[in-house]
């Protein structure tokens, strides 16, 4: 009985923590290690994230972004990945860049991933 209760409590706490995750936290855990705190990447090895806003502007760019191995294989739900990529597009957009594309949806991520 105690073990079942302990497992239930751990599940609730873990589920609650996952539900509270923000795109910024997901970036820190999923992307920051390679792309860096400022999304600059590593020249010749890891691309900067300044181009994400442009990729989201066209259907082909959206499909390309979601085909990147680190994106496609991210251990995030489709909904959290959509939120993360939209956050990245805004956070690392070049100065003066405008976001004209609609936000990614959970369904779109699931279809293109």
Protein backbone atom coordinates (compact mmCIF):
# COMPACT_ATOMS: atom_id res chain seq x y z
CA UNK A 1 0.00 0.00 0.00
CA UNK A 2 2.77 2.46 0.90
CA UNK A 3 4.65 1.66 -2.28
CA UNK A 4 1.56 2.24 -4.42
CA UNK A 5 0.98 5.57 -2.68
CA UNK A 6 4.62 6.59 -3.16
CA UNK A 7 4.46 5.71 -6.87
CA UNK A 8 1.25 7.72 -7.24
CA UNK A 9 2.77 10.75 -5.51
CA UNK A 10 5.91 10.60 -7.69
CA UNK A 11 3.73 10.39 -10.79
CA UNK A 12 1.67 13.40 -9.76
CA UNK A 13 4.76 15.48 -8.96
CA UNK A 14 6.49 14.50 -12.22
CA UNK A 15 3.35 15.24 -14.24
CA UNK A 16 2.93 18.57 -12.50
CA UNK A 17 6.55 19.56 -13.17
CA UNK A 18 6.21 18.63 -16.85
CA UNK A 19 3.00 20.62 -17.15
CA UNK A 20 4.76 23.68 -15.70
CA UNK A 21 7.73 23.52 -18.07
CA UNK A 22 8.15 26.65 -20.14
CA UNK A 23 9.68 27.01 -23.59
CA UNK A 24 12.61 28.80 -21.94
CA UNK A 25 13.18 25.82 -19.63
CA UNK A 26 12.81 23.39 -22.54
CA UNK A 27 15.39 25.44 -24.47
CA UNK A 28 17.82 25.24 -21.57
CA UNK A 29 17.39 21.48 -21.33
CA UNK A 30 17.09 20.55 -25.01
CA UNK A 31 18.97 23.14 -27.07
CA UNK A 32 21.27 25.37 -25.04
CA UNK A 33 24.06 22.80 -24.77
CA UNK A 34 24.80 23.05 -28.50
CA UNK A 35 23.28 26.38 -29.57
CA UNK A 36 24.40 28.35 -26.50
CA UNK A 37 22.58 30.76 -24.24
CA UNK A 38 22.23 33.33 -27.01
CA UNK A 39 21.43 30.87 -29.81
CA UNK A 40 24.65 31.71 -31.65
CA UNK A 41 25.66 28.09 -32.27
CA UNK A 42 29.22 27.14 -33.16
CA UNK A 43 30.46 28.36 -36.55
CA UNK A 44 31.00 25.46 -38.91
CA UNK A 45 29.36 22.96 -36.54
CA UNK A 46 26.08 24.16 -35.01
CA UNK A 47 23.93 26.72 -36.85
CA UNK A 48 22.76 29.89 -35.16
CA UNK A 49 19.05 30.14 -34.40
CA UNK A 50 18.56 33.56 -35.99
CA UNK A 51 17.11 31.88 -39.11
CA UNK A 52 14.27 30.02 -37.36
CA UNK A 53 11.89 32.95 -37.84
CA UNK A 54 12.51 32.78 -41.61
CA UNK A 55 12.08 28.99 -41.72
CA UNK A 56 8.68 29.31 -40.09
CA UNK A 57 7.57 31.74 -42.81
CA UNK A 58 7.08 29.05 -45.49
CA UNK A 59 5.63 25.53 -45.55
CA UNK A 60 8.92 24.17 -46.92
CA UNK A 61 10.89 25.93 -44.18
CA UNK A 62 8.58 24.60 -41.49
CA UNK A 63 8.99 21.05 -42.83
CA UNK A 64 12.77 21.51 -43.01
CA UNK A 65 12.96 22.77 -39.42
CA UNK A 66 10.93 19.83 -38.13
CA UNK A 67 13.15 17.40 -40.05
CA UNK A 68 16.32 18.51 -38.24
CA UNK A 69 17.38 15.46 -36.18
CA UNK A 70 17.65 17.34 -32.89
CA UNK A 71 14.18 18.78 -33.42
CA UNK A 72 12.53 15.65 -34.79
CA UNK A 73 13.94 13.47 -32.01
CA UNK A 74 13.46 15.91 -29.12
CA UNK A 75 11.97 14.27 -26.06
CA UNK A 76 9.10 16.75 -25.94
CA UNK A 77 5.43 16.39 -26.76
CA UNK A 78 4.30 17.86 -30.06
CA UNK A 79 2.62 20.68 -28.15
CA UNK A 80 5.74 21.56 -26.13
CA UNK A 81 7.96 21.35 -29.22
CA UNK A 82 5.64 23.73 -31.09
CA UNK A 83 5.80 26.18 -28.18
CA UNK A 84 9.59 25.85 -27.96
CA UNK A 85 10.15 26.50 -31.66
CA UNK A 86 7.84 29.51 -31.63
CA UNK A 87 9.69 30.87 -28.58
CA UNK A 88 13.05 30.31 -30.32
CA UNK A 89 11.81 32.12 -33.44
CA UNK A 90 10.91 35.21 -31.42
CA UNK A 91 13.77 35.09 -28.91
CA UNK A 92 16.57 34.72 -31.45
CA UNK A 93 15.13 36.66 -34.38
CA UNK A 94 17.51 39.22 -35.86
CA UNK A 95 16.84 42.83 -34.85
CA UNK A 96 14.01 44.24 -36.93
CA UNK A 97 12.78 40.84 -38.15
CA UNK A 98 9.02 40.49 -38.18
CA UNK A 99 7.11 37.36 -37.35
CA UNK A 100 4.58 36.98 -40.15
CA UNK A 101 3.94 33.24 -40.02
CA UNK A 102 1.28 31.69 -37.82
CA UNK A 103 2.42 29.81 -34.73
CA UNK A 104 3.17 26.11 -35.09
CA UNK A 105 0.42 23.83 -33.87
CA UNK A 106 0.63 20.51 -32.10
CA UNK A 107 -1.01 18.87 -35.12
CA UNK A 108 1.48 20.38 -37.57
CA UNK A 109 4.44 19.26 -35.48
CA UNK A 110 2.99 15.76 -35.22
CA UNK A 111 2.46 15.57 -38.97
CA UNK A 112 5.89 16.91 -39.97
CA UNK A 113 8.04 15.36 -37.28
